[in-house]
Amino acid sequence: MADVAALVRAHWTRGAPGRDAPGELVTALYRWWVVAMVLKILGATWDISWHFRWLRDDLAPPHLLNTVGTVMVIGLVVIHSYTGIGVDRATLRWMQWGLGVFLVAAPLDVINHRVNGLDITAWSPSHALLYLGTGLMSVGLLVGWNRHGRADRYFYPVTCFLWFTVLDNFMFLNQHQEYGVLGLAAWERGTPYAEDSLLQFAADQLHRPLDYIAVENFTLPTPDWLYPSWAVLTGLGTLLLARILVGRRWTATTIIVGYLVFRCVAWALLAAAGFPISTVPFFLLAGALAIDLSCQLMTRMRPLVGAAAVTAAAYAALWLQHAYIAAPPSDFASALYVVVPLAGLWGLFEHLGSGGVRRIEQHLAAVRDWRVRG
């Protein structure tokens, strides 16, 4: 930390994005980004479990942990913006817009809870803005690290972690159902995870007694088709994009194994501390393996064949998990209309991976030059 601080002080002058700087300074800044994102992910993971046990509290420990990570993000964006070190213009804009959206969404979420009460569901507009802000920052980090961190010996592990943040950001929404299915089962057993005050508050919002319908609305408020569809199109879609852009075999499997290990460790720690626990989406591993294997096919029909293989593998694994472990309620017929948009995404991602991103950037640069000349 002292060495990094000394480097920052030595280069603390205003500069344009893309400014030359020592490689060790650029690497150090991105590694601090990793620390900040780890704190945000830990806080968010603890937060959803917390809200399945107690009524909401603005100053709850998970919020404070997430806030520490956010403060670090603010500091890093300020450093990048003022000095221009470690970023180009596009990277910096992704980071700035992501942070801006997140900082606007945070007070809106507090106001939303004040007005609408519990609002525990992860699928709310104010929560969507929080995810959007975090997602934009993750995109900026991926772009910046890909352009400025290739000389680092830990380039690939850091790249996988940054894709992990994108995956976790998408899959966080599905955790509502993953906690909810076990929360509802615990209530039916007569040993609810949530305190009576929380369950009664949820029932009062529906203007009904504390019964099965009230608890089900609190724990599983989304339709059954949403859980598997979202997991495949956004979760496995993220892994597919990572595999294509990174270009290394078993990238999708590596990222999902890291994600599942993290979820299992979090599960064990939360259970040991007496907090509510969730199901873990082990079925995503089958989908990730299908992605890595399908990407090795040498055929023009790869997007269609791969999408069918990935969808079939993921839904079959989800059925097995539902039958032998535990999983949220799922409409398995949704596989029929998930496979088509997944094939479309596959074709788009392959276009981006084959140089589409560079062509888009060149087009945008030409548009900017034309505006300047005009």
Protein backbone atom coordinates (compact mmCIF):
# COMPACT_ATOMS: atom_id res chain seq x y z
CA MET A 1 0.00 0.00 0.00
CA ALA A 2 2.84 2.39 0.80
CA ASP A 3 4.49 1.71 -2.57
CA VAL A 4 1.22 2.27 -4.42
CA ALA A 5 0.57 5.49 -2.50
CA ALA A 6 4.06 6.72 -3.39
CA LEU A 7 3.48 5.97 -7.08
CA VAL A 8 0.12 7.75 -7.05
CA ARG A 9 1.63 10.84 -5.38
CA ALA A 10 4.49 10.88 -7.89
CA HIS A 11 1.99 10.93 -10.78
CA TRP A 12 -0.73 13.05 -9.17
CA THR A 13 -1.05 15.56 -11.98
CA ARG A 14 -3.95 16.07 -14.30
CA GLY A 15 -3.73 14.07 -17.50
CA ALA A 16 -5.82 12.83 -20.40
CA PRO A 17 -7.03 9.21 -20.53
CA GLY A 18 -4.31 6.97 -21.94
CA ARG A 19 -1.49 8.83 -20.24
CA ASP A 20 1.79 6.92 -19.95
CA ALA A 21 2.51 5.54 -16.50
CA PRO A 22 4.61 2.79 -14.90
CA GLY A 23 3.18 -0.66 -15.47
CA GLU A 24 3.33 -1.46 -11.77
CA LEU A 25 1.08 1.52 -11.00
CA VAL A 26 -1.52 0.50 -13.58
CA THR A 27 -1.48 -3.09 -12.29
CA ALA A 28 -1.75 -1.95 -8.68
CA LEU A 29 -4.80 0.20 -9.44
CA TYR A 30 -6.61 -2.70 -11.07
CA ARG A 31 -5.73 -5.00 -8.20
CA TRP A 32 -7.33 -2.48 -5.83
CA TRP A 33 -10.35 -2.63 -8.10
CA VAL A 34 -10.41 -6.38 -7.43
CA VAL A 35 -10.35 -5.74 -3.67
CA ALA A 36 -13.18 -3.20 -3.96
CA MET A 37 -15.34 -5.56 -6.03
CA VAL A 38 -14.69 -8.42 -3.59
CA LEU A 39 -15.99 -6.26 -0.73
CA LYS A 40 -19.06 -5.27 -2.74
CA ILE A 41 -19.81 -8.89 -3.65
CA LEU A 42 -19.34 -10.08 -0.07
CA GLY A 43 -21.62 -7.34 1.21
CA ALA A 44 -24.31 -8.11 -1.37
CA THR A 45 -24.13 -11.87 -0.68
CA TRP A 46 -24.56 -11.31 3.04
CA ASP A 47 -27.25 -8.70 2.43
CA ILE A 48 -29.78 -10.93 0.71
CA SER A 49 -29.47 -13.55 3.46
CA TRP A 50 -29.87 -10.80 6.06
CA HIS A 51 -33.13 -9.62 4.47
CA PHE A 52 -34.61 -13.11 4.64
CA ARG A 53 -34.21 -13.00 8.40
CA TRP A 54 -34.77 -9.43 9.65
CA LEU A 55 -36.58 -6.28 8.66
CA ARG A 56 -34.54 -3.90 6.57
CA ASP A 57 -32.01 -1.58 8.24
CA ASP A 58 -30.10 1.08 6.28
CA LEU A 59 -27.05 0.64 8.54
CA ALA A 60 -27.03 -3.16 8.60
CA PRO A 61 -23.53 -4.70 8.55
CA PRO A 62 -23.89 -6.04 4.98
CA HIS A 63 -24.73 -2.52 3.76
CA LEU A 64 -21.70 -1.12 5.57
CA LEU A 65 -19.41 -3.75 4.02
CA ASN A 66 -20.77 -2.95 0.57
CA THR A 67 -20.31 0.74 1.30
CA VAL A 68 -16.60 0.23 2.06
CA GLY A 69 -16.19 -1.30 -1.39
CA THR A 70 -18.17 1.54 -2.95
CA VAL A 71 -15.98 4.16 -1.26
CA MET A 72 -12.92 2.42 -2.68
CA VAL A 73 -14.54 2.47 -6.12
CA ILE A 74 -15.17 6.20 -5.81
CA GLY A 75 -11.53 6.78 -4.92
CA LEU A 76 -10.30 4.69 -7.85
CA VAL A 77 -12.59 6.42 -10.35
CA VAL A 78 -11.36 9.80 -9.06
CA ILE A 79 -7.74 8.69 -9.56
CA HIS A 80 -8.41 7.44 -13.09
CA SER A 81 -10.45 10.53 -14.00
CA TYR A 82 -7.92 13.08 -12.70
CA THR A 83 -4.68 11.44 -13.78
CA GLY A 84 -5.81 9.55 -16.88
CA ILE A 85 -3.67 6.59 -15.79
CA GLY A 86 -4.70 3.03 -16.58
CA VAL A 87 -7.69 3.96 -18.74
CA ASP A 88 -8.56 5.13 -22.20
CA ARG A 89 -11.55 7.35 -22.88
CA ALA A 90 -14.03 4.51 -23.44
CA THR A 91 -12.91 2.62 -20.33
CA LEU A 92 -13.19 5.73 -18.19
CA ARG A 93 -16.70 6.47 -19.45
CA TRP A 94 -17.89 2.97 -18.55
CA MET A 95 -16.48 3.38 -15.03
CA GLN A 96 -17.89 6.88 -14.56
CA TRP A 97 -21.35 6.04 -15.85
CA GLY A 98 -21.46 2.86 -13.77
CA LEU A 99 -20.50 4.69 -10.61
CA GLY A 100 -22.91 7.53 -11.40
CA VAL A 101 -25.86 5.18 -11.90
CA PHE A 102 -25.01 3.30 -8.69
CA LEU A 103 -24.75 6.51 -6.63
CA VAL A 104 -28.10 7.70 -7.98
CA ALA A 105 -29.73 4.31 -7.39
CA ALA A 106 -28.61 3.96 -3.76
CA PRO A 107 -30.67 6.86 -2.33
CA LEU A 108 -33.56 5.99 -4.66
CA ASP A 109 -33.56 2.49 -3.17
CA VAL A 110 -33.70 3.94 0.35
CA ILE A 111 -36.63 6.17 -0.66
CA ASN A 112 -38.35 3.21 -2.32
CA HIS A 113 -38.14 1.20 0.89
CA ARG A 114 -39.45 4.15 2.88
CA VAL A 115 -42.45 4.51 0.55
CA ASN A 116 -43.23 0.90 -0.38
CA GLY A 117 -42.14 -0.88 2.76
CA LEU A 118 -40.38 -4.22 2.60
CA ASP A 119 -39.78 -4.59 -1.16
CA ILE A 120 -37.51 -7.58 -0.55
CA THR A 121 -37.74 -8.91 -4.05
CA ALA A 122 -34.53 -8.56 -6.01
CA TRP A 123 -36.66 -7.79 -9.07
CA SER A 124 -37.51 -4.15 -8.31
CA PRO A 125 -36.73 -0.98 -10.34
CA SER A 126 -34.46 0.56 -7.72
CA HIS A 127 -32.53 -2.69 -7.34
CA ALA A 128 -32.27 -2.94 -11.14
CA LEU A 129 -30.50 0.41 -11.18
CA LEU A 130 -28.01 -0.86 -8.60
CA TYR A 131 -27.29 -3.91 -10.75
CA LEU A 132 -27.00 -1.71 -13.85
CA GLY A 133 -24.45 0.55 -12.19
CA THR A 134 -22.37 -2.39 -10.99
CA GLY A 135 -22.61 -4.02 -14.41
CA LEU A 136 -21.39 -0.91 -16.22
CA MET A 137 -18.40 -0.69 -13.86
CA SER A 138 -17.60 -4.35 -14.51
CA VAL A 139 -17.67 -3.77 -18.26
CA GLY A 140 -15.31 -0.82 -17.86
CA LEU A 141 -12.96 -2.94 -15.77
CA LEU A 142 -12.95 -5.72 -18.35
CA VAL A 143 -12.23 -3.33 -21.20
CA GLY A 144 -9.54 -1.50 -19.25
CA TRP A 145 -7.83 -4.62 -17.96
CA ASN A 146 -7.85 -6.21 -21.42
CA ARG A 147 -6.13 -3.15 -22.88
CA HIS A 148 -3.78 -2.16 -20.08
CA GLY A 149 -3.14 -5.29 -18.01
CA ARG A 150 -1.86 -7.83 -20.53
CA ALA A 151 1.73 -7.52 -19.30
CA ASP A 152 0.77 -8.70 -15.81
CA ARG A 153 1.56 -12.33 -14.99
CA TYR A 154 -1.86 -12.69 -13.37
CA PHE A 155 -3.69 -11.37 -16.41
CA TYR A 156 -5.82 -14.50 -16.96
CA PRO A 157 -6.86 -15.05 -13.30
CA VAL A 158 -7.84 -11.38 -12.94
CA THR A 159 -9.73 -11.57 -16.23
CA CYS A 160 -11.67 -14.59 -14.96
CA PHE A 161 -12.48 -12.75 -11.73
CA LEU A 162 -13.78 -9.72 -13.61
CA TRP A 163 -16.05 -11.98 -15.65
CA PHE A 164 -17.05 -13.54 -12.32
CA THR A 165 -18.29 -10.10 -11.20
CA VAL A 166 -20.49 -9.84 -14.30
CA LEU A 167 -21.86 -13.34 -13.70
CA ASP A 168 -22.51 -12.67 -10.02
CA ASN A 169 -24.26 -9.40 -10.85
CA PHE A 170 -26.70 -11.21 -13.15
CA MET A 171 -27.19 -14.27 -10.95
CA PHE A 172 -27.79 -12.15 -7.85
CA LEU A 173 -31.38 -11.63 -9.00
CA ASN A 174 -32.00 -15.38 -9.06
CA GLN A 175 -30.84 -15.67 -5.47
CA HIS A 176 -34.24 -14.40 -4.37
CA GLN A 177 -35.80 -17.64 -5.58
CA GLU A 178 -32.84 -19.69 -4.30
CA TYR A 179 -33.32 -18.34 -0.78
CA GLY A 180 -37.08 -18.27 -1.10
CA VAL A 181 -37.60 -21.95 -1.87
CA LEU A 182 -35.74 -22.99 1.30
CA GLY A 183 -37.35 -20.20 3.29
CA LEU A 184 -40.82 -21.41 2.35
CA ALA A 185 -39.88 -25.01 3.20
CA ALA A 186 -38.56 -23.88 6.60
CA TRP A 187 -41.86 -22.09 7.32
CA GLU A 188 -43.83 -25.20 6.38
CA ARG A 189 -41.69 -27.25 8.80
CA GLY A 190 -42.53 -24.81 11.57
CA THR A 191 -38.95 -23.51 11.86
CA PRO A 192 -38.98 -20.32 9.75
CA TYR A 193 -35.71 -18.56 9.00
CA ALA A 194 -37.38 -15.14 9.20
CA GLU A 195 -38.35 -13.48 12.44
CA ASP A 196 -42.08 -13.21 13.18
CA SER A 197 -41.98 -9.42 12.76
CA LEU A 198 -40.66 -9.77 9.20
CA LEU A 199 -43.25 -12.35 8.18
CA GLN A 200 -46.05 -10.35 9.78
CA PHE A 201 -44.86 -7.22 7.98
CA ALA A 202 -44.95 -9.10 4.67
CA ALA A 203 -48.48 -10.37 5.43
CA ASP A 204 -49.69 -6.90 6.41
CA GLN A 205 -48.53 -5.55 3.06
CA LEU A 206 -50.93 -8.01 1.40
CA HIS A 207 -53.70 -7.16 3.90
CA ARG A 208 -54.14 -10.81 4.84
CA PRO A 209 -53.33 -13.10 7.79
CA LEU A 210 -49.93 -14.75 8.14
CA ASP A 211 -50.67 -17.86 6.08
CA TYR A 212 -49.11 -19.91 3.28
CA ILE A 213 -50.13 -17.44 0.58
CA ALA A 214 -48.53 -14.52 2.43
CA VAL A 215 -45.28 -16.41 3.02
CA GLU A 216 -45.19 -17.70 -0.56
CA ASN A 217 -45.66 -14.18 -1.88
CA PHE A 218 -42.74 -13.07 0.30
CA THR A 219 -40.40 -15.94 -0.63
CA LEU A 220 -41.35 -16.84 -4.23
CA PRO A 221 -43.05 -13.84 -5.85
CA THR A 222 -41.86 -14.52 -9.43
CA PRO A 223 -43.31 -16.83 -12.11
CA ASP A 224 -41.74 -20.28 -12.46
CA TRP A 225 -40.43 -19.65 -15.99
CA LEU A 226 -38.25 -16.75 -14.89
CA TYR A 227 -35.64 -18.64 -12.85
CA PRO A 228 -34.34 -21.06 -15.52
CA SER A 229 -34.76 -18.57 -18.37
CA TRP A 230 -32.75 -15.89 -16.60
CA ALA A 231 -30.05 -18.37 -15.55
CA VAL A 232 -29.51 -19.59 -19.11
CA LEU A 233 -29.84 -16.32 -21.05
CA THR A 234 -27.87 -14.06 -18.69
CA GLY A 235 -25.78 -16.41 -16.54
CA LEU A 236 -24.71 -18.85 -19.24
CA GLY A 237 -24.84 -16.02 -21.78
CA THR A 238 -22.16 -14.22 -19.76
CA LEU A 239 -20.02 -17.36 -19.70
CA LEU A 240 -20.46 -17.76 -23.45
CA LEU A 241 -19.31 -14.20 -24.12
CA ALA A 242 -16.34 -14.69 -21.80
CA ARG A 243 -15.33 -17.89 -23.60
CA ILE A 244 -15.53 -16.27 -27.03
CA LEU A 245 -13.75 -13.01 -26.15
CA VAL A 246 -11.07 -14.53 -23.91
CA GLY A 247 -10.50 -17.30 -26.43
CA ARG A 248 -9.03 -19.91 -24.05
CA ARG A 249 -10.39 -23.42 -23.59
CA TRP A 250 -12.40 -24.12 -20.45
CA THR A 251 -12.78 -20.42 -19.65
CA ALA A 252 -16.52 -20.78 -19.03
CA THR A 253 -15.95 -23.83 -16.82
CA THR A 254 -13.18 -22.08 -14.88
CA ILE A 255 -15.39 -19.08 -14.12
CA ILE A 256 -18.42 -21.12 -13.09
CA VAL A 257 -16.33 -23.40 -10.85
CA GLY A 258 -15.01 -20.30 -9.09
CA TYR A 259 -18.54 -18.96 -8.73
CA LEU A 260 -19.91 -22.23 -7.33
CA VAL A 261 -17.01 -22.58 -4.90
CA PHE A 262 -17.71 -19.04 -3.69
CA ARG A 263 -21.41 -19.80 -3.25
CA CYS A 264 -20.64 -23.00 -1.32
CA VAL A 265 -18.21 -21.22 1.00
CA ALA A 266 -20.75 -18.43 1.56
CA TRP A 267 -23.42 -21.08 2.23
CA ALA A 268 -21.24 -22.74 4.87
CA LEU A 269 -20.35 -19.46 6.59
CA LEU A 270 -23.94 -18.22 6.64
CA ALA A 271 -25.20 -21.56 7.95
CA ALA A 272 -22.55 -21.59 10.68
CA ALA A 273 -23.59 -18.08 11.73
CA GLY A 274 -27.27 -19.03 11.85
CA PHE A 275 -28.36 -17.03 8.79
CA PRO A 276 -30.82 -18.23 6.14
CA ILE A 277 -29.27 -20.40 3.44
CA SER A 278 -30.03 -20.82 -0.25
CA THR A 279 -29.85 -23.46 -2.91
CA VAL A 280 -26.69 -23.32 -5.04
CA PRO A 281 -27.11 -23.37 -8.86
CA PHE A 282 -24.93 -26.42 -9.52
CA PHE A 283 -26.79 -26.98 -12.80
CA LEU A 284 -24.87 -24.08 -14.35
CA LEU A 285 -21.75 -26.27 -14.39
CA ALA A 286 -23.35 -28.54 -17.00
CA GLY A 287 -24.21 -25.53 -19.13
CA ALA A 288 -20.68 -24.14 -18.85
CA LEU A 289 -19.15 -27.45 -19.89
CA ALA A 290 -21.50 -27.54 -22.88
CA ILE A 291 -20.35 -24.02 -23.82
CA ASP A 292 -16.67 -24.92 -23.74
CA LEU A 293 -17.22 -28.12 -25.71
CA SER A 294 -19.53 -26.48 -28.25
CA CYS A 295 -17.04 -23.67 -28.91
CA GLN A 296 -14.64 -26.31 -30.27
CA LEU A 297 -17.09 -27.33 -33.00
CA MET A 298 -15.97 -26.30 -36.48
CA THR A 299 -19.28 -25.67 -38.20
CA ARG A 300 -21.29 -22.69 -39.42
CA MET A 301 -24.23 -24.10 -37.47
CA ARG A 302 -22.33 -23.74 -34.17
CA PRO A 303 -24.61 -21.02 -32.71
CA LEU A 304 -27.72 -23.14 -33.26
CA VAL A 305 -26.15 -26.47 -32.31
CA GLY A 306 -24.37 -24.94 -29.33
CA ALA A 307 -27.48 -23.16 -28.06
CA ALA A 308 -29.47 -26.40 -28.24
CA ALA A 309 -26.73 -28.34 -26.43
CA VAL A 310 -26.26 -25.73 -23.71
CA THR A 311 -30.00 -25.33 -23.10
CA ALA A 312 -30.55 -29.09 -22.98
CA ALA A 313 -27.61 -29.64 -20.62
CA ALA A 314 -28.62 -26.82 -18.27
CA TYR A 315 -32.30 -27.79 -18.07
CA ALA A 316 -31.49 -31.49 -17.62
CA ALA A 317 -29.05 -30.67 -14.82
CA LEU A 318 -31.63 -28.35 -13.23
CA TRP A 319 -34.19 -31.17 -13.30
CA LEU A 320 -31.72 -33.50 -11.60
CA GLN A 321 -30.86 -30.87 -8.99
CA HIS A 322 -34.55 -30.27 -8.37
CA ALA A 323 -35.15 -34.00 -7.94
CA TYR A 324 -32.14 -34.93 -5.81
CA ILE A 325 -30.91 -31.77 -4.04
CA ALA A 326 -33.04 -28.62 -4.10
CA ALA A 327 -33.88 -25.90 -6.61
CA PRO A 328 -36.49 -23.17 -7.02
CA PRO A 329 -39.74 -24.01 -8.84
CA SER A 330 -39.02 -24.02 -12.58
CA ASP A 331 -41.10 -24.26 -15.73
CA PHE A 332 -39.06 -26.70 -17.83
CA ALA A 333 -41.15 -25.97 -20.92
CA SER A 334 -39.45 -22.57 -21.03
CA ALA A 335 -36.46 -24.32 -22.64
CA LEU A 336 -38.38 -24.27 -25.92
CA TYR A 337 -38.33 -20.49 -26.16
CA VAL A 338 -34.98 -19.94 -24.42
CA VAL A 339 -32.97 -21.77 -27.06
CA VAL A 340 -33.88 -19.31 -29.85
CA PRO A 341 -32.64 -16.08 -28.20
CA LEU A 342 -29.59 -17.97 -26.90
CA ALA A 343 -28.71 -18.95 -30.49
CA GLY A 344 -29.13 -15.30 -31.49
CA LEU A 345 -26.82 -14.20 -28.69
CA TRP A 346 -24.30 -16.84 -29.73
CA GLY A 347 -24.20 -15.52 -33.29
CA LEU A 348 -23.86 -11.93 -32.05
CA PHE A 349 -21.06 -12.81 -29.63
CA GLU A 350 -19.13 -14.65 -32.32
CA HIS A 351 -19.43 -11.57 -34.53
CA LEU A 352 -18.04 -9.43 -31.72
CA GLY A 353 -15.26 -11.91 -31.06
CA SER A 354 -14.24 -12.03 -34.72
CA GLY A 355 -13.52 -8.31 -34.84
CA GLY A 356 -16.95 -6.77 -34.52
CA VAL A 357 -15.94 -4.81 -31.43
CA ARG A 358 -13.00 -3.23 -33.25
CA ARG A 359 -15.17 -2.29 -36.24
CA ILE A 360 -17.77 -0.71 -33.96
CA GLU A 361 -15.06 1.29 -32.17
CA GLN A 362 -13.64 2.45 -35.50
CA HIS A 363 -17.09 3.54 -36.63
CA LEU A 364 -17.71 5.47 -33.40
CA ALA A 365 -14.28 7.12 -33.70
CA ALA A 366 -15.10 8.16 -37.27
CA VAL A 367 -18.40 9.64 -36.09
CA ARG A 368 -16.62 11.62 -33.35
CA ASP A 369 -14.05 12.93 -35.86
CA TRP A 370 -16.82 13.95 -38.23
CA ARG A 371 -18.58 15.87 -35.44
CA VAL A 372 -15.36 17.62 -34.47
CA ARG A 373 -14.68 18.65 -38.08
CA GLY A 374 -18.29 19.75 -38.44
